[in-house]
């Protein structure tokens, strides 16, 4: 792993990048790898259950 690996931008869908999270299909284009990948936006993570 190099410093460039750590500084690489995470692939976000265009919808998430514009704040339209509900419209995101869950995929994004990774320009470095030149392939379709999962969107890495935090809106796709499952909320943690809160203990009562």
PDB file of N, CA and C in Angstrom:
ATOM      1  N   UNK A   1       0.851  -1.170   0.000  1.00  0.00           N
ATOM      2  CA  UNK A   1       0.000   0.000   0.000  1.00  0.00           C
ATOM      3  C   UNK A   1       0.900   1.238   0.000  1.00  0.00           C
ATOM      4  N   UNK A   2       0.528   2.198  -0.809  1.00  0.00           N
ATOM      5  CA  UNK A   2       1.308   3.428  -0.886  1.00  0.00           C
ATOM      6  C   UNK A   2       0.474   4.609  -0.400  1.00  0.00           C
ATOM      7  N   UNK A   3       1.094   5.756  -0.278  1.00  0.00           N
ATOM      8  CA  UNK A   3       0.374   6.963   0.133  1.00  0.00           C
ATOM      9  C   UNK A   3      -0.705   7.313  -0.892  1.00  0.00           C
ATOM     10  N   UNK A   4      -0.455   7.022  -2.158  1.00  0.00           N
ATOM     11  CA  UNK A   4      -1.449   7.302  -3.191  1.00  0.00           C
ATOM     12  C   UNK A   4      -2.708   6.481  -2.995  1.00  0.00           C
ATOM     13  N   UNK A   5      -2.573   5.259  -2.484  1.00  0.00           N
ATOM     14  CA  UNK A   5      -3.737   4.426  -2.211  1.00  0.00           C
ATOM     15  C   UNK A   5      -4.624   5.059  -1.150  1.00  0.00           C
ATOM     16  N   UNK A   6      -4.009   5.692  -0.170  1.00  0.00           N
ATOM     17  CA  UNK A   6      -4.768   6.303   0.917  1.00  0.00           C
ATOM     18  C   UNK A   6      -5.430   7.611   0.491  1.00  0.00           C
ATOM     19  N   UNK A   7      -4.865   8.287  -0.490  1.00  0.00           N
ATOM     20  CA  UNK A   7      -5.383   9.584  -0.919  1.00  0.00           C
ATOM     21  C   UNK A   7      -6.300   9.497  -2.132  1.00  0.00           C
ATOM     22  N   UNK A   8      -6.540   8.290  -2.632  1.00  0.00           N
ATOM     23  CA  UNK A   8      -7.416   8.105  -3.783  1.00  0.00           C
ATOM     24  C   UNK A   8      -8.831   8.500  -3.425  1.00  0.00           C
ATOM     25  N   UNK A   9      -9.526   9.250  -4.275  1.00  0.00           N
ATOM     26  CA  UNK A   9     -10.909   9.608  -3.974  1.00  0.00           C
ATOM     27  C   UNK A   9     -11.810   8.372  -3.985  1.00  0.00           C
ATOM     28  N   UNK A  10     -12.736   8.336  -3.070  1.00  0.00           N
ATOM     29  CA  UNK A  10     -13.676   7.223  -2.999  1.00  0.00           C
ATOM     30  C   UNK A  10     -14.736   7.418  -4.075  1.00  0.00           C
ATOM     31  N   UNK A  11     -15.172   6.344  -4.739  1.00  0.00           N
ATOM     32  CA  UNK A  11     -16.173   6.505  -5.791  1.00  0.00           C
ATOM     33  C   UNK A  11     -17.580   6.755  -5.231  1.00  0.00           C
ATOM     34  N   UNK A  12     -18.108   7.918  -5.547  1.00  0.00           N
ATOM     35  CA  UNK A  12     -19.477   8.276  -5.175  1.00  0.00           C
ATOM     36  C   UNK A  12     -20.313   8.355  -6.441  1.00  0.00           C
ATOM     37  N   UNK A  13     -21.581   7.998  -6.355  1.00  0.00           N
ATOM     38  CA  UNK A  13     -22.460   8.165  -7.508  1.00  0.00           C
ATOM     39  C   UNK A  13     -22.669   9.657  -7.733  1.00  0.00           C
ATOM     40  N   UNK A  14     -22.981  10.064  -8.950  1.00  0.00           N
ATOM     41  CA  UNK A  14     -23.254  11.477  -9.201  1.00  0.00           C
ATOM     42  C   UNK A  14     -24.406  12.000  -8.343  1.00  0.00           C
ATOM     43  N   UNK A  15     -25.390  11.149  -8.079  1.00  0.00           N
ATOM     44  CA  UNK A  15     -26.522  11.573  -7.246  1.00  0.00           C
ATOM     45  C   UNK A  15     -26.068  11.901  -5.830  1.00  0.00           C
ATOM     46  N   UNK A  16     -25.269  11.043  -5.218  1.00  0.00           N
ATOM     47  CA  UNK A  16     -24.785  11.296  -3.859  1.00  0.00           C
ATOM     48  C   UNK A  16     -23.876  12.517  -3.824  1.00  0.00           C
ATOM     49  N   UNK A  17     -23.069  12.685  -4.847  1.00  0.00           N
ATOM     50  CA  UNK A  17     -22.174  13.839  -4.899  1.00  0.00           C
ATOM     51  C   UNK A  17     -22.955  15.145  -4.924  1.00  0.00           C
ATOM     52  N   UNK A  18     -24.186  15.110  -5.454  1.00  0.00           N
ATOM     53  CA  UNK A  18     -25.025  16.302  -5.524  1.00  0.00           C
ATOM     54  C   UNK A  18     -26.020  16.375  -4.372  1.00  0.00           C
ATOM     55  N   UNK A  19     -25.927  15.430  -3.427  1.00  0.00           N
ATOM     56  CA  UNK A  19     -26.819  15.439  -2.270  1.00  0.00           C
ATOM     57  C   UNK A  19     -28.169  14.796  -2.520  1.00  0.00           C
ATOM     58  N   UNK A  20     -28.322  14.085  -3.633  1.00  0.00           N
ATOM     59  CA  UNK A  20     -29.595  13.426  -3.970  1.00  0.00           C
ATOM     60  C   UNK A  20     -29.500  11.947  -3.597  1.00  0.00           C
ATOM     61  N   UNK A  21     -29.344  11.688  -2.315  1.00  0.00           N
ATOM     62  CA  UNK A  21     -29.077  10.327  -1.844  1.00  0.00           C
ATOM     63  C   UNK A  21     -30.211   9.357  -2.141  1.00  0.00           C
ATOM     64  N   UNK A  22     -31.449   9.806  -2.105  1.00  0.00           N
ATOM     65  CA  UNK A  22     -32.572   8.903  -2.372  1.00  0.00           C
ATOM     66  C   UNK A  22     -32.601   8.429  -3.816  1.00  0.00           C
ATOM     67  N   UNK A  23     -31.995   9.197  -4.721  1.00  0.00           N
ATOM     68  CA  UNK A  23     -31.982   8.836  -6.141  1.00  0.00           C
ATOM     69  C   UNK A  23     -30.823   7.915  -6.500  1.00  0.00           C
ATOM     70  N   UNK A  24     -29.897   7.693  -5.582  1.00  0.00           N
ATOM     71  CA  UNK A  24     -28.712   6.887  -5.865  1.00  0.00           C
ATOM     72  C   UNK A  24     -29.090   5.422  -6.090  1.00  0.00           C
ATOM     73  N   UNK A  25     -28.514   4.850  -7.145  1.00  0.00           N
ATOM     74  CA  UNK A  25     -28.773   3.437  -7.452  1.00  0.00           C
ATOM     75  C   UNK A  25     -27.863   2.505  -6.666  1.00  0.00           C
ATOM     76  N   UNK A  26     -26.884   3.073  -5.941  1.00  0.00           N
ATOM     77  CA  UNK A  26     -25.961   2.251  -5.163  1.00  0.00           C
ATOM     78  C   UNK A  26     -24.685   1.917  -5.894  1.00  0.00           C
ATOM     79  N   UNK A  27     -24.531   2.435  -7.125  1.00  0.00           N
ATOM     80  CA  UNK A  27     -23.320   2.176  -7.885  1.00  0.00           C
ATOM     81  C   UNK A  27     -22.636   3.493  -8.236  1.00  0.00           C
ATOM     82  N   UNK A  28     -21.343   3.404  -8.511  1.00  0.00           N
ATOM     83  CA  UNK A  28     -20.546   4.565  -8.893  1.00  0.00           C
ATOM     84  C   UNK A  28     -19.465   4.107  -9.860  1.00  0.00           C
ATOM     85  N   UNK A  29     -18.892   5.049 -10.591  1.00  0.00           N
ATOM     86  CA  UNK A  29     -17.812   4.719 -11.517  1.00  0.00           C
ATOM     87  C   UNK A  29     -16.481   5.011 -10.862  1.00  0.00           C
ATOM     88  N   UNK A  30     -15.620   4.011 -10.799  1.00  0.00           N
ATOM     89  CA  UNK A  30     -14.267   4.176 -10.281  1.00  0.00           C
ATOM     90  C   UNK A  30     -13.376   4.522 -11.469  1.00  0.00           C
ATOM     91  N   UNK A  31     -12.983   5.796 -11.559  1.00  0.00           N
ATOM     92  CA  UNK A  31     -12.201   6.251 -12.696  1.00  0.00           C
ATOM     93  C   UNK A  31     -10.797   5.663 -12.709  1.00  0.00           C
ATOM     94  N   UNK A  32     -10.235   5.351 -11.552  1.00  0.00           N
ATOM     95  CA  UNK A  32      -8.897   4.756 -11.502  1.00  0.00           C
ATOM     96  C   UNK A  32      -8.911   3.326 -12.021  1.00  0.00           C
ATOM     97  N   UNK A  33      -9.901   2.549 -11.603  1.00  0.00           N
ATOM     98  CA  UNK A  33      -9.997   1.151 -12.026  1.00  0.00           C
ATOM     99  C   UNK A  33     -10.762   1.007 -13.339  1.00  0.00           C
ATOM    100  N   UNK A  34     -11.451   2.079 -13.762  1.00  0.00           N
ATOM    101  CA  UNK A  34     -12.252   2.091 -14.981  1.00  0.00           C
ATOM    102  C   UNK A  34     -13.311   0.987 -14.970  1.00  0.00           C
ATOM    103  N   UNK A  35     -14.076   0.960 -13.865  1.00  0.00           N
ATOM    104  CA  UNK A  35     -15.133  -0.044 -13.739  1.00  0.00           C
ATOM    105  C   UNK A  35     -16.232   0.443 -12.801  1.00  0.00           C
ATOM    106  N   UNK A  36     -17.387  -0.181 -12.903  1.00  0.00           N
ATOM    107  CA  UNK A  36     -18.526   0.126 -12.051  1.00  0.00           C
ATOM    108  C   UNK A  36     -18.334  -0.562 -10.701  1.00  0.00           C
ATOM    109  N   UNK A  37     -18.492   0.192  -9.611  1.00  0.00           N
ATOM    110  CA  UNK A  37     -18.306  -0.339  -8.259  1.00  0.00           C
ATOM    111  C   UNK A  37     -19.463   0.128  -7.372  1.00  0.00           C
ATOM    112  N   UNK A  38     -19.489  -0.354  -6.155  1.00  0.00           N
ATOM    113  CA  UNK A  38     -20.495   0.090  -5.192  1.00  0.00           C
ATOM    114  C   UNK A  38     -20.206   1.518  -4.760  1.00  0.00           C
ATOM    115  N   UNK A  39     -21.240   2.329  -4.608  1.00  0.00           N
ATOM    116  CA  UNK A  39     -21.093   3.699  -4.125  1.00  0.00           C
ATOM    117  C   UNK A  39     -20.604   3.650  -2.676  1.00  0.00           C
ATOM    118  N   UNK A  40     -19.630   4.479  -2.351  1.00  0.00           N
ATOM    119  CA  UNK A  40     -19.047   4.450  -1.009  1.00  0.00           C
ATOM    120  C   UNK A  40     -19.599   5.534  -0.095  1.00  0.00           C
ATOM    121  N   UNK A  41     -20.673   6.170  -0.498  1.00  0.00           N
ATOM    122  CA  UNK A  41     -21.281   7.221   0.324  1.00  0.00           C
ATOM    123  C   UNK A  41     -21.808   6.630   1.634  1.00  0.00           C
ATOM    124  N   UNK A  42     -21.692   7.374   2.695  1.00  0.00           N
ATOM    125  CA  UNK A  42     -22.163   6.924   4.003  1.00  0.00           C
ATOM    126  C   UNK A  42     -23.663   6.731   4.091  1.00  0.00           C
ATOM    127  N   UNK A  43     -24.426   7.244   3.124  1.00  0.00           N
ATOM    128  CA  UNK A  43     -25.883   7.087   3.171  1.00  0.00           C
ATOM    129  C   UNK A  43     -26.307   5.647   2.919  1.00  0.00           C
ATOM    130  N   UNK A  44     -25.390   4.806   2.445  1.00  0.00           N
ATOM    131  CA  UNK A  44     -25.725   3.412   2.152  1.00  0.00           C
ATOM    132  C   UNK A  44     -25.467   2.474   3.320  1.00  0.00           C
ATOM    133  N   UNK A  45     -24.935   2.976   4.411  1.00  0.00           N
ATOM    134  CA  UNK A  45     -24.679   2.128   5.564  1.00  0.00           C
ATOM    135  C   UNK A  45     -25.964   1.984   6.379  1.00  0.00           C
ATOM    136  N   UNK A  46     -26.126   0.836   6.950  1.00  0.00           N
ATOM    137  CA  UNK A  46     -27.298   0.591   7.783  1.00  0.00           C
ATOM    138  C   UNK A  46     -27.143   1.341   9.100  1.00  0.00           C
ATOM    139  N   UNK A  47     -28.191   2.031   9.541  1.00  0.00           N
ATOM    140  CA  UNK A  47     -28.088   2.710  10.846  1.00  0.00           C
ATOM    141  C   UNK A  47     -27.947   1.694  11.961  1.00  0.00           C
ATOM    142  N   UNK A  48     -27.139   2.034  12.945  1.00  0.00           N
ATOM    143  CA  UNK A  48     -26.945   1.140  14.086  1.00  0.00           C
ATOM    144  C   UNK A  48     -28.145   1.229  15.013  1.00  0.00           C
ATOM    145  N   UNK A  49     -28.519   0.102  15.547  1.00  0.00           N
ATOM    146  CA  UNK A  49     -29.639   0.073  16.495  1.00  0.00           C
ATOM    147  C   UNK A  49     -29.245   0.788  17.774  1.00  0.00           C
ATOM    148  N   UNK A  50     -30.162   1.534  18.309  1.00  0.00           N
ATOM    149  CA  UNK A  50     -29.909   2.246  19.552  1.00  0.00           C
ATOM    150  C   UNK A  50     -30.531   1.453  20.685  1.00  0.00           C
ATOM    151  N   UNK A  51     -29.715   1.138  21.687  1.00  0.00           N
ATOM    152  CA  UNK A  51     -30.218   0.387  22.849  1.00  0.00           C
ATOM    153  C   UNK A  51     -31.119   1.293  23.686  1.00  0.00           C
ATOM    154  N   UNK A  52     -32.239   0.746  24.085  1.00  0.00           N
ATOM    155  CA  UNK A  52     -33.195   1.536  24.879  1.00  0.00           C
ATOM    156  C   UNK A  52     -32.905   1.418  26.352  1.00  0.00           C
TER     157      UNK A  52
END
